[in-house]
């Protein structure tokens, strides 16, 4: 156990018991415990393998390369249609975790083997994502913005494209583009501090 992560499990939360049980299971699998993105993250040689996180209706294990797992039991969930690599196993009570413990450990060990083998999820290229017309016009008329956007990592580029294109109305897309232009110029992603 990593004392830097203890605070996460000590705070009162809706899924506290369930998350504590998941912690025990993960530590029993020989992974290192770290705190990343404000959540307990379990790593192998500094590579992210699985993360514990909680939502309103469930808590989950998030496998960073879950798309590469076999999912023999059909329990992996793609959180949204835009998530390419990660997959979740969701839980709604402690009994469910206890019942599935053996299966969960098998998925964790498979994820460890995926990491040891150095396997990578083949991601869609950024060019395959929709470029909203409102953003394309800005890029065409502002060479410095275009250069800054092209300098971002592919993940940051995809984040902005998904954010812009998810708006249904043109004026909302325009407002989002305007609001994010300084972040792009500063080389920051959508959620970077």
C-alpha atoms as a PDB file:
ATOM      1  CA  UNK A   1       0.000   0.000   0.000  1.00  0.00           C
ATOM      2  CA  UNK A   2       1.163   3.471  -0.851  1.00  0.00           C
ATOM      3  CA  UNK A   3       0.555   5.935   2.018  1.00  0.00           C
ATOM      4  CA  UNK A   4       0.084   8.728  -0.543  1.00  0.00           C
ATOM      5  CA  UNK A   5      -3.041   6.917  -1.750  1.00  0.00           C
ATOM      6  CA  UNK A   6      -4.516   6.200   1.709  1.00  0.00           C
ATOM      7  CA  UNK A   7      -6.414   9.498   1.801  1.00  0.00           C
ATOM      8  CA  UNK A   8      -8.469   8.397  -1.217  1.00  0.00           C
ATOM      9  CA  UNK A   9      -9.761   5.339   0.613  1.00  0.00           C
ATOM     10  CA  UNK A  10     -10.135   7.130   3.958  1.00  0.00           C
ATOM     11  CA  UNK A  11     -12.561   9.766   2.714  1.00  0.00           C
ATOM     12  CA  UNK A  12     -16.240   8.907   3.109  1.00  0.00           C
ATOM     13  CA  UNK A  13     -17.672   7.995  -0.273  1.00  0.00           C
ATOM     14  CA  UNK A  14     -20.629   6.143  -1.712  1.00  0.00           C
ATOM     15  CA  UNK A  15     -18.475   3.263  -2.994  1.00  0.00           C
ATOM     16  CA  UNK A  16     -15.933   3.214  -0.149  1.00  0.00           C
ATOM     17  CA  UNK A  17     -16.200  -0.496   0.808  1.00  0.00           C
ATOM     18  CA  UNK A  18     -16.251  -1.614  -2.807  1.00  0.00           C
ATOM     19  CA  UNK A  19     -13.174   0.440  -3.683  1.00  0.00           C
ATOM     20  CA  UNK A  20     -11.294  -0.816  -0.612  1.00  0.00           C
ATOM     21  CA  UNK A  21     -11.986  -4.410  -1.711  1.00  0.00           C
ATOM     22  CA  UNK A  22     -10.771  -3.623  -5.232  1.00  0.00           C
ATOM     23  CA  UNK A  23      -7.599  -2.165  -3.704  1.00  0.00           C
ATOM     24  CA  UNK A  24      -6.902  -5.394  -1.816  1.00  0.00           C
ATOM     25  CA  UNK A  25      -7.449  -7.439  -4.983  1.00  0.00           C
ATOM     26  CA  UNK A  26      -5.114  -5.234  -7.042  1.00  0.00           C
ATOM     27  CA  UNK A  27      -2.352  -5.194  -4.453  1.00  0.00           C
ATOM     28  CA  UNK A  28      -2.619  -8.998  -4.222  1.00  0.00           C
ATOM     29  CA  UNK A  29      -1.755  -9.120  -7.937  1.00  0.00           C
ATOM     30  CA  UNK A  30       1.671  -7.553  -7.393  1.00  0.00           C
ATOM     31  CA  UNK A  31       1.069  -4.132  -8.921  1.00  0.00           C
ATOM     32  CA  UNK A  32       2.501  -0.861  -7.600  1.00  0.00           C
ATOM     33  CA  UNK A  33       0.002   1.616  -6.189  1.00  0.00           C
ATOM     34  CA  UNK A  34       0.212   5.268  -7.219  1.00  0.00           C
ATOM     35  CA  UNK A  35      -2.066   8.281  -7.273  1.00  0.00           C
ATOM     36  CA  UNK A  36      -2.789   9.590 -10.782  1.00  0.00           C
ATOM     37  CA  UNK A  37      -5.552  11.935 -11.907  1.00  0.00           C
ATOM     38  CA  UNK A  38      -6.759  11.927  -8.287  1.00  0.00           C
ATOM     39  CA  UNK A  39      -7.436   8.161  -8.367  1.00  0.00           C
ATOM     40  CA  UNK A  40      -5.585   5.037  -7.262  1.00  0.00           C
ATOM     41  CA  UNK A  41      -3.676   3.749 -10.271  1.00  0.00           C
ATOM     42  CA  UNK A  42      -1.910   0.387 -10.357  1.00  0.00           C
ATOM     43  CA  UNK A  43       1.227   0.137 -12.428  1.00  0.00           C
ATOM     44  CA  UNK A  44       3.841  -2.308 -13.638  1.00  0.00           C
ATOM     45  CA  UNK A  45       7.303  -0.816 -14.116  1.00  0.00           C
ATOM     46  CA  UNK A  46       5.761   2.677 -14.147  1.00  0.00           C
ATOM     47  CA  UNK A  47       3.271   1.704 -16.888  1.00  0.00           C
ATOM     48  CA  UNK A  48      -0.433   2.198 -16.103  1.00  0.00           C
ATOM     49  CA  UNK A  49      -2.339  -1.083 -15.968  1.00  0.00           C
ATOM     50  CA  UNK A  50      -5.596  -0.419 -14.098  1.00  0.00           C
ATOM     51  CA  UNK A  51      -7.273   2.419 -12.207  1.00  0.00           C
ATOM     52  CA  UNK A  52     -10.023   2.471  -9.581  1.00  0.00           C
ATOM     53  CA  UNK A  53     -12.679   5.123 -10.043  1.00  0.00           C
ATOM     54  CA  UNK A  54     -16.211   5.800  -8.896  1.00  0.00           C
ATOM     55  CA  UNK A  55     -19.271   7.325 -10.490  1.00  0.00           C
ATOM     56  CA  UNK A  56     -22.789   8.050  -9.306  1.00  0.00           C
ATOM     57  CA  UNK A  57     -24.223   4.647 -10.264  1.00  0.00           C
ATOM     58  CA  UNK A  58     -21.168   2.376  -9.993  1.00  0.00           C
ATOM     59  CA  UNK A  59     -17.502   2.025  -9.173  1.00  0.00           C
ATOM     60  CA  UNK A  60     -15.126   0.476 -11.676  1.00  0.00           C
ATOM     61  CA  UNK A  61     -11.766  -0.888 -12.586  1.00  0.00           C
ATOM     62  CA  UNK A  62     -10.505   0.880 -15.689  1.00  0.00           C
ATOM     63  CA  UNK A  63      -8.051  -1.193 -17.715  1.00  0.00           C
ATOM     64  CA  UNK A  64      -5.868   1.206 -19.690  1.00  0.00           C
ATOM     65  CA  UNK A  65      -5.390  -1.299 -22.530  1.00  0.00           C
ATOM     66  CA  UNK A  66      -8.679  -3.097 -21.989  1.00  0.00           C
ATOM     67  CA  UNK A  67      -9.399  -3.234 -25.722  1.00  0.00           C
ATOM     68  CA  UNK A  68      -6.598  -5.831 -25.940  1.00  0.00           C
ATOM     69  CA  UNK A  69      -8.100  -8.139 -23.303  1.00  0.00           C
ATOM     70  CA  UNK A  70     -10.026 -11.238 -24.421  1.00  0.00           C
ATOM     71  CA  UNK A  71     -13.106 -10.550 -22.244  1.00  0.00           C
ATOM     72  CA  UNK A  72     -14.129 -14.216 -22.074  1.00  0.00           C
ATOM     73  CA  UNK A  73     -16.853 -13.331 -19.553  1.00  0.00           C
ATOM     74  CA  UNK A  74     -18.279 -10.346 -21.452  1.00  0.00           C
ATOM     75  CA  UNK A  75     -17.857  -7.960 -18.517  1.00  0.00           C
ATOM     76  CA  UNK A  76     -15.720  -5.217 -20.087  1.00  0.00           C
ATOM     77  CA  UNK A  77     -17.516  -1.990 -20.942  1.00  0.00           C
ATOM     78  CA  UNK A  78     -16.426   0.714 -23.369  1.00  0.00           C
ATOM     79  CA  UNK A  79     -17.216   3.846 -21.373  1.00  0.00           C
ATOM     80  CA  UNK A  80     -18.182   5.937 -24.415  1.00  0.00           C
ATOM     81  CA  UNK A  81     -18.009   5.393 -28.178  1.00  0.00           C
ATOM     82  CA  UNK A  82     -14.941   7.646 -28.361  1.00  0.00           C
ATOM     83  CA  UNK A  83     -12.847   5.678 -25.860  1.00  0.00           C
ATOM     84  CA  UNK A  84     -10.435   3.650 -27.944  1.00  0.00           C
ATOM     85  CA  UNK A  85      -8.140   1.745 -25.556  1.00  0.00           C
ATOM     86  CA  UNK A  86      -9.619   1.648 -22.050  1.00  0.00           C
ATOM     87  CA  UNK A  87     -12.362  -0.680 -20.829  1.00  0.00           C
ATOM     88  CA  UNK A  88     -14.143  -0.898 -17.469  1.00  0.00           C
ATOM     89  CA  UNK A  89     -15.474  -3.612 -15.235  1.00  0.00           C
ATOM     90  CA  UNK A  90     -18.349  -1.988 -13.344  1.00  0.00           C
ATOM     91  CA  UNK A  91     -19.615  -2.918  -9.896  1.00  0.00           C
ATOM     92  CA  UNK A  92     -22.722  -1.888  -8.005  1.00  0.00           C
ATOM     93  CA  UNK A  93     -22.142  -3.650  -4.678  1.00  0.00           C
ATOM     94  CA  UNK A  94     -19.531  -5.410  -2.563  1.00  0.00           C
ATOM     95  CA  UNK A  95     -21.141  -8.848  -2.974  1.00  0.00           C
ATOM     96  CA  UNK A  96     -20.691  -8.604  -6.733  1.00  0.00           C
ATOM     97  CA  UNK A  97     -16.956  -7.928  -6.316  1.00  0.00           C
ATOM     98  CA  UNK A  98     -16.538 -10.841  -3.909  1.00  0.00           C
ATOM     99  CA  UNK A  99     -18.437 -13.139  -6.285  1.00  0.00           C
ATOM    100  CA  UNK A 100     -16.321 -12.090  -9.287  1.00  0.00           C
ATOM    101  CA  UNK A 101     -12.966 -11.867  -7.469  1.00  0.00           C
ATOM    102  CA  UNK A 102     -11.401 -14.865  -9.221  1.00  0.00           C
ATOM    103  CA  UNK A 103     -12.504 -13.610 -12.645  1.00  0.00           C
ATOM    104  CA  UNK A 104     -11.384 -10.036 -11.874  1.00  0.00           C
ATOM    105  CA  UNK A 105      -7.941 -11.334 -10.884  1.00  0.00           C
ATOM    106  CA  UNK A 106      -7.729 -13.239 -14.175  1.00  0.00           C
ATOM    107  CA  UNK A 107      -8.451 -10.010 -16.083  1.00  0.00           C
ATOM    108  CA  UNK A 108      -5.822  -8.161 -14.022  1.00  0.00           C
ATOM    109  CA  UNK A 109      -3.225 -10.859 -14.716  1.00  0.00           C
ATOM    110  CA  UNK A 110      -4.073 -10.758 -18.426  1.00  0.00           C
ATOM    111  CA  UNK A 111      -3.639  -6.944 -18.369  1.00  0.00           C
ATOM    112  CA  UNK A 112      -0.256  -7.429 -16.686  1.00  0.00           C
ATOM    113  CA  UNK A 113       0.777  -9.862 -19.435  1.00  0.00           C
ATOM    114  CA  UNK A 114      -0.354  -7.366 -22.098  1.00  0.00           C
ATOM    115  CA  UNK A 115       1.871  -4.742 -20.473  1.00  0.00           C
ATOM    116  CA  UNK A 116       4.835  -7.112 -20.110  1.00  0.00           C
ATOM    117  CA  UNK A 117       4.541  -7.996 -23.807  1.00  0.00           C
ATOM    118  CA  UNK A 118       4.635  -4.287 -24.698  1.00  0.00           C
ATOM    119  CA  UNK A 119       1.405  -4.527 -26.697  1.00  0.00           C
ATOM    120  CA  UNK A 120      -0.169  -1.280 -27.874  1.00  0.00           C
ATOM    121  CA  UNK A 121      -3.736  -0.459 -28.824  1.00  0.00           C
ATOM    122  CA  UNK A 122      -3.917   0.700 -32.430  1.00  0.00           C
ATOM    123  CA  UNK A 123      -5.590   4.085 -32.196  1.00  0.00           C
ATOM    124  CA  UNK A 124      -7.494   5.816 -34.959  1.00  0.00           C
ATOM    125  CA  UNK A 125      -5.321   8.537 -36.442  1.00  0.00           C
ATOM    126  CA  UNK A 126      -6.292  12.077 -35.521  1.00  0.00           C
ATOM    127  CA  UNK A 127      -7.146  12.714 -39.182  1.00  0.00           C
ATOM    128  CA  UNK A 128      -9.995  10.175 -38.836  1.00  0.00           C
ATOM    129  CA  UNK A 129     -11.792  12.424 -36.331  1.00  0.00           C
ATOM    130  CA  UNK A 130     -14.326  15.000 -37.494  1.00  0.00           C
ATOM    131  CA  UNK A 131     -12.877  18.483 -37.946  1.00  0.00           C
ATOM    132  CA  UNK A 132     -15.794  20.875 -37.354  1.00  0.00           C
ATOM    133  CA  UNK A 133     -16.085  23.528 -40.050  1.00  0.00           C
ATOM    134  CA  UNK A 134     -16.003  26.287 -37.409  1.00  0.00           C
ATOM    135  CA  UNK A 135     -12.574  25.102 -36.256  1.00  0.00           C
ATOM    136  CA  UNK A 136     -11.271  24.506 -39.771  1.00  0.00           C
ATOM    137  CA  UNK A 137     -12.109  28.136 -40.682  1.00  0.00           C
ATOM    138  CA  UNK A 138     -10.178  29.394 -37.633  1.00  0.00           C
ATOM    139  CA  UNK A 139      -7.160  27.226 -38.483  1.00  0.00           C
ATOM    140  CA  UNK A 140      -7.187  28.388 -42.111  1.00  0.00           C
ATOM    141  CA  UNK A 141      -7.406  32.060 -41.149  1.00  0.00           C
ATOM    142  CA  UNK A 142      -4.914  31.911 -38.239  1.00  0.00           C
ATOM    143  CA  UNK A 143      -1.615  30.232 -39.184  1.00  0.00           C
ATOM    144  CA  UNK A 144      -0.236  30.574 -35.629  1.00  0.00           C
ATOM    145  CA  UNK A 145      -3.247  28.716 -34.225  1.00  0.00           C
ATOM    146  CA  UNK A 146      -2.892  26.015 -36.875  1.00  0.00           C
ATOM    147  CA  UNK A 147       0.809  25.610 -36.040  1.00  0.00           C
ATOM    148  CA  UNK A 148       0.053  25.433 -32.309  1.00  0.00           C
ATOM    149  CA  UNK A 149      -2.689  22.846 -32.876  1.00  0.00           C
ATOM    150  CA  UNK A 150      -0.397  20.706 -35.041  1.00  0.00           C
ATOM    151  CA  UNK A 151       2.259  20.865 -32.289  1.00  0.00           C
ATOM    152  CA  UNK A 152      -0.125  19.310 -29.734  1.00  0.00           C
ATOM    153  CA  UNK A 153       0.082  15.602 -28.999  1.00  0.00           C
ATOM    154  CA  UNK A 154      -2.368  13.459 -30.976  1.00  0.00           C
ATOM    155  CA  UNK A 155      -4.362  12.831 -27.793  1.00  0.00           C
ATOM    156  CA  UNK A 156      -4.741  16.539 -27.086  1.00  0.00           C
ATOM    157  CA  UNK A 157      -5.756  17.151 -30.693  1.00  0.00           C
ATOM    158  CA  UNK A 158      -8.397  14.409 -30.488  1.00  0.00           C
ATOM    159  CA  UNK A 159      -9.668  15.848 -27.202  1.00  0.00           C
ATOM    160  CA  UNK A 160     -10.299  19.239 -28.776  1.00  0.00           C
ATOM    161  CA  UNK A 161     -11.849  17.761 -31.920  1.00  0.00           C
ATOM    162  CA  UNK A 162     -14.230  15.616 -29.870  1.00  0.00           C
ATOM    163  CA  UNK A 163     -15.107  18.580 -27.649  1.00  0.00           C
ATOM    164  CA  UNK A 164     -15.834  20.856 -30.609  1.00  0.00           C
ATOM    165  CA  UNK A 165     -17.736  18.318 -32.698  1.00  0.00           C
ATOM    166  CA  UNK A 166     -19.932  17.091 -29.831  1.00  0.00           C
ATOM    167  CA  UNK A 167     -21.852  20.385 -29.847  1.00  0.00           C
ATOM    168  CA  UNK A 168     -25.022  20.138 -31.928  1.00  0.00           C
ATOM    169  CA  UNK A 169     -25.373  23.831 -32.781  1.00  0.00           C
ATOM    170  CA  UNK A 170     -22.920  25.854 -34.853  1.00  0.00           C
ATOM    171  CA  UNK A 171     -22.886  28.760 -32.402  1.00  0.00           C
ATOM    172  CA  UNK A 172     -21.988  26.386 -29.559  1.00  0.00           C
ATOM    173  CA  UNK A 173     -19.141  24.943 -31.638  1.00  0.00           C
ATOM    174  CA  UNK A 174     -17.949  28.481 -32.413  1.00  0.00           C
ATOM    175  CA  UNK A 175     -18.082  29.426 -28.728  1.00  0.00           C
ATOM    176  CA  UNK A 176     -16.109  26.325 -27.763  1.00  0.00           C
ATOM    177  CA  UNK A 177     -13.459  27.056 -30.378  1.00  0.00           C
ATOM    178  CA  UNK A 178     -13.152  30.675 -29.172  1.00  0.00           C
ATOM    179  CA  UNK A 179     -12.903  29.574 -25.557  1.00  0.00           C
ATOM    180  CA  UNK A 180     -10.149  27.022 -26.309  1.00  0.00           C
ATOM    181  CA  UNK A 181      -7.934  29.028 -28.646  1.00  0.00           C
ATOM    182  CA  UNK A 182      -5.649  30.330 -25.864  1.00  0.00           C
ATOM    183  CA  UNK A 183      -5.242  26.821 -24.435  1.00  0.00           C
ATOM    184  CA  UNK A 184      -4.199  25.557 -27.861  1.00  0.00           C
ATOM    185  CA  UNK A 185      -1.746  28.444 -28.334  1.00  0.00           C
ATOM    186  CA  UNK A 186      -0.284  27.656 -24.904  1.00  0.00           C
ATOM    187  CA  UNK A 187       0.249  24.019 -25.893  1.00  0.00           C
ATOM    188  CA  UNK A 188      -2.271  22.763 -23.357  1.00  0.00           C
ATOM    189  CA  UNK A 189      -4.883  20.072 -23.702  1.00  0.00           C
ATOM    190  CA  UNK A 190      -8.548  20.496 -22.925  1.00  0.00           C
ATOM    191  CA  UNK A 191      -8.176  19.362 -19.295  1.00  0.00           C
ATOM    192  CA  UNK A 192      -4.604  20.471 -18.565  1.00  0.00           C
ATOM    193  CA  UNK A 193      -4.064  22.834 -15.625  1.00  0.00           C
END
